[in-house]
C-alpha atoms as a PDB file:
ATOM      1  CA  MET A   1     -32.449   0.014  36.206  1.00  0.00           C
ATOM      2  CA  VAL A   2     -29.905   0.168  33.665  1.00  0.00           C
ATOM      3  CA  GLY A   3     -27.326   2.099  32.460  1.00  0.00           C
ATOM      4  CA  ARG A   4     -24.205   3.043  30.816  1.00  0.00           C
ATOM      5  CA  VAL A   5     -21.157   3.217  32.026  1.00  0.00           C
ATOM      6  CA  LEU A   6     -18.986   6.107  31.206  1.00  0.00           C
ATOM      7  CA  ILE A   7     -15.417   7.276  31.668  1.00  0.00           C
ATOM      8  CA  ASP A   8     -13.838  10.219  31.809  1.00  0.00           C
ATOM      9  CA  CYS A   9     -11.012  11.081  29.125  1.00  0.00           C
ATOM     10  CA  PRO A  10      -7.459  11.831  29.953  1.00  0.00           C
ATOM     11  CA  GLU A  11      -7.215  14.109  27.464  1.00  0.00           C
ATOM     12  CA  THR A  12     -10.533  16.108  27.499  1.00  0.00           C
ATOM     13  CA  GLY A  13     -11.755  15.926  31.083  1.00  0.00           C
ATOM     14  CA  GLU A  14     -14.942  14.900  29.446  1.00  0.00           C
ATOM     15  CA  GLN A  15     -17.543  11.705  30.171  1.00  0.00           C
ATOM     16  CA  VAL A  16     -17.861   9.665  27.389  1.00  0.00           C
ATOM     17  CA  PHE A  17     -19.604   6.234  26.984  1.00  0.00           C
ATOM     18  CA  ALA A  18     -17.659   3.053  27.099  1.00  0.00           C
ATOM     19  CA  GLY A  19     -19.200   1.308  25.771  1.00  0.00           C
ATOM     20  CA  MET A  20     -21.035  -1.185  28.243  1.00  0.00           C
ATOM     21  CA  ILE A  21     -24.719  -0.660  29.039  1.00  0.00           C
ATOM     22  CA  LEU A  22     -25.261  -2.400  32.208  1.00  0.00           C
ATOM     23  CA  ASP A  23     -27.960  -3.472  35.107  1.00  0.00           C
ATOM     24  CA  GLU A  24     -27.189  -1.816  38.253  1.00  0.00           C
ATOM     25  CA  ALA A  25     -26.393  -5.100  40.067  1.00  0.00           C
ATOM     26  CA  ALA A  26     -24.047  -5.732  37.590  1.00  0.00           C
ATOM     27  CA  PHE A  27     -22.495  -3.313  38.271  1.00  0.00           C
ATOM     28  CA  ALA A  28     -21.439  -2.987  41.556  1.00  0.00           C
ATOM     29  CA  ALA A  29     -21.285  -6.701  41.093  1.00  0.00           C
ATOM     30  CA  GLY A  30     -17.866  -5.287  39.032  1.00  0.00           C
ATOM     31  CA  ILE A  31     -16.594  -4.928  36.104  1.00  0.00           C
ATOM     32  CA  ALA A  32     -13.588  -8.055  36.161  1.00  0.00           C
ATOM     33  CA  ASP A  33     -10.892  -7.040  33.003  1.00  0.00           C
ATOM     34  CA  VAL A  34      -9.581  -3.880  32.688  1.00  0.00           C
ATOM     35  CA  GLN A  35     -11.468  -2.545  29.570  1.00  0.00           C
ATOM     36  CA  ARG A  36     -10.122  -0.368  26.764  1.00  0.00           C
ATOM     37  CA  VAL A  37     -12.403   1.843  24.520  1.00  0.00           C
ATOM     38  CA  ARG A  38     -12.152   4.160  21.770  1.00  0.00           C
ATOM     39  CA  CYS A  39     -12.645   7.943  23.040  1.00  0.00           C
ATOM     40  CA  GLU A  40     -16.090   9.816  21.151  1.00  0.00           C
ATOM     41  CA  ALA A  41     -14.242  13.012  22.664  1.00  0.00           C
ATOM     42  CA  CYS A  42     -10.812  12.663  21.649  1.00  0.00           C
ATOM     43  CA  GLY A  43     -10.633   8.846  19.059  1.00  0.00           C
ATOM     44  CA  GLN A  44      -7.292   7.521  21.288  1.00  0.00           C
ATOM     45  CA  ILE A  45      -7.809   4.486  23.000  1.00  0.00           C
ATOM     46  CA  HIS A  46      -8.331   4.352  26.729  1.00  0.00           C
ATOM     47  CA  THR A  47      -7.888   2.170  29.652  1.00  0.00           C
ATOM     48  CA  TRP A  48     -10.289   1.965  31.442  1.00  0.00           C
ATOM     49  CA  SER A  49     -11.306  -0.266  34.651  1.00  0.00           C
ATOM     50  CA  GLN A  50     -14.400  -0.405  37.735  1.00  0.00           C
ATOM     51  CA  ASP A  51     -12.173   1.931  39.632  1.00  0.00           C
ATOM     52  CA  ASP A  52     -13.227   4.929  36.709  1.00  0.00           C
ATOM     53  CA  ALA A  53     -16.558   4.577  35.733  1.00  0.00           C
ATOM     54  CA  ILE A  54     -19.523   4.999  37.096  1.00  0.00           C
ATOM     55  CA  LEU A  55     -22.854   4.336  35.399  1.00  0.00           C
ATOM     56  CA  GLU A  56     -25.277   7.023  34.557  1.00  0.00           C
ATOM     57  CA  LYS A  57     -28.788   5.535  34.994  1.00  0.00           C
ATOM     58  CA  LEU A  58     -31.423   4.790  31.193  1.00  0.00           C
ATOM     59  CA  THR A  59     -34.895   5.306  31.731  1.00  0.00           C
ATOM     60  CA  PRO A  60     -36.415   2.834  30.123  1.00  0.00           C
ATOM     61  CA  ASP A  61     -37.714   5.050  27.299  1.00  0.00           C
ATOM     62  CA  GLN A  62     -34.340   6.062  27.189  1.00  0.00           C
ATOM     63  CA  HIS A  63     -32.846   2.945  26.555  1.00  0.00           C
ATOM     64  CA  ARG A  64     -35.067   1.422  24.522  1.00  0.00           C
ATOM     65  CA  PHE A  65     -34.391   5.040  21.924  1.00  0.00           C
ATOM     66  CA  ARG A  66     -30.525   3.281  22.432  1.00  0.00           C
ATOM     67  CA  LEU A  67     -31.142   0.201  21.879  1.00  0.00           C
ATOM     68  CA  ARG A  68     -33.519   0.838  18.700  1.00  0.00           C
ATOM     69  CA  ARG A  69     -31.146   3.442  17.993  1.00  0.00           C
ATOM     70  CA  ARG A  70     -28.447   0.935  17.047  1.00  0.00           C
ATOM     71  CA  LEU A  71     -29.969  -1.293  14.849  1.00  0.00           C
ATOM     72  CA  VAL A  72     -30.482   1.169  12.781  1.00  0.00           C
ATOM     73  CA  ARG A  73     -27.313   2.013  12.167  1.00  0.00           C
END
């Protein structure tokens, strides 16, 4: 199963999409580098690492919908 990587916005406390979709094995193997993302909640750029992230599991239908929506934009 695949999922979206989420982090907590330090400004608002909201969980936000960190820009990665991974399967459980890839997430468990770890994200090697410190990452940067423009936050959907506050607009700032946040740095984060594996310790800051969780994996929000997506059903196959949710994953297909998100991919299709990205390709259409």
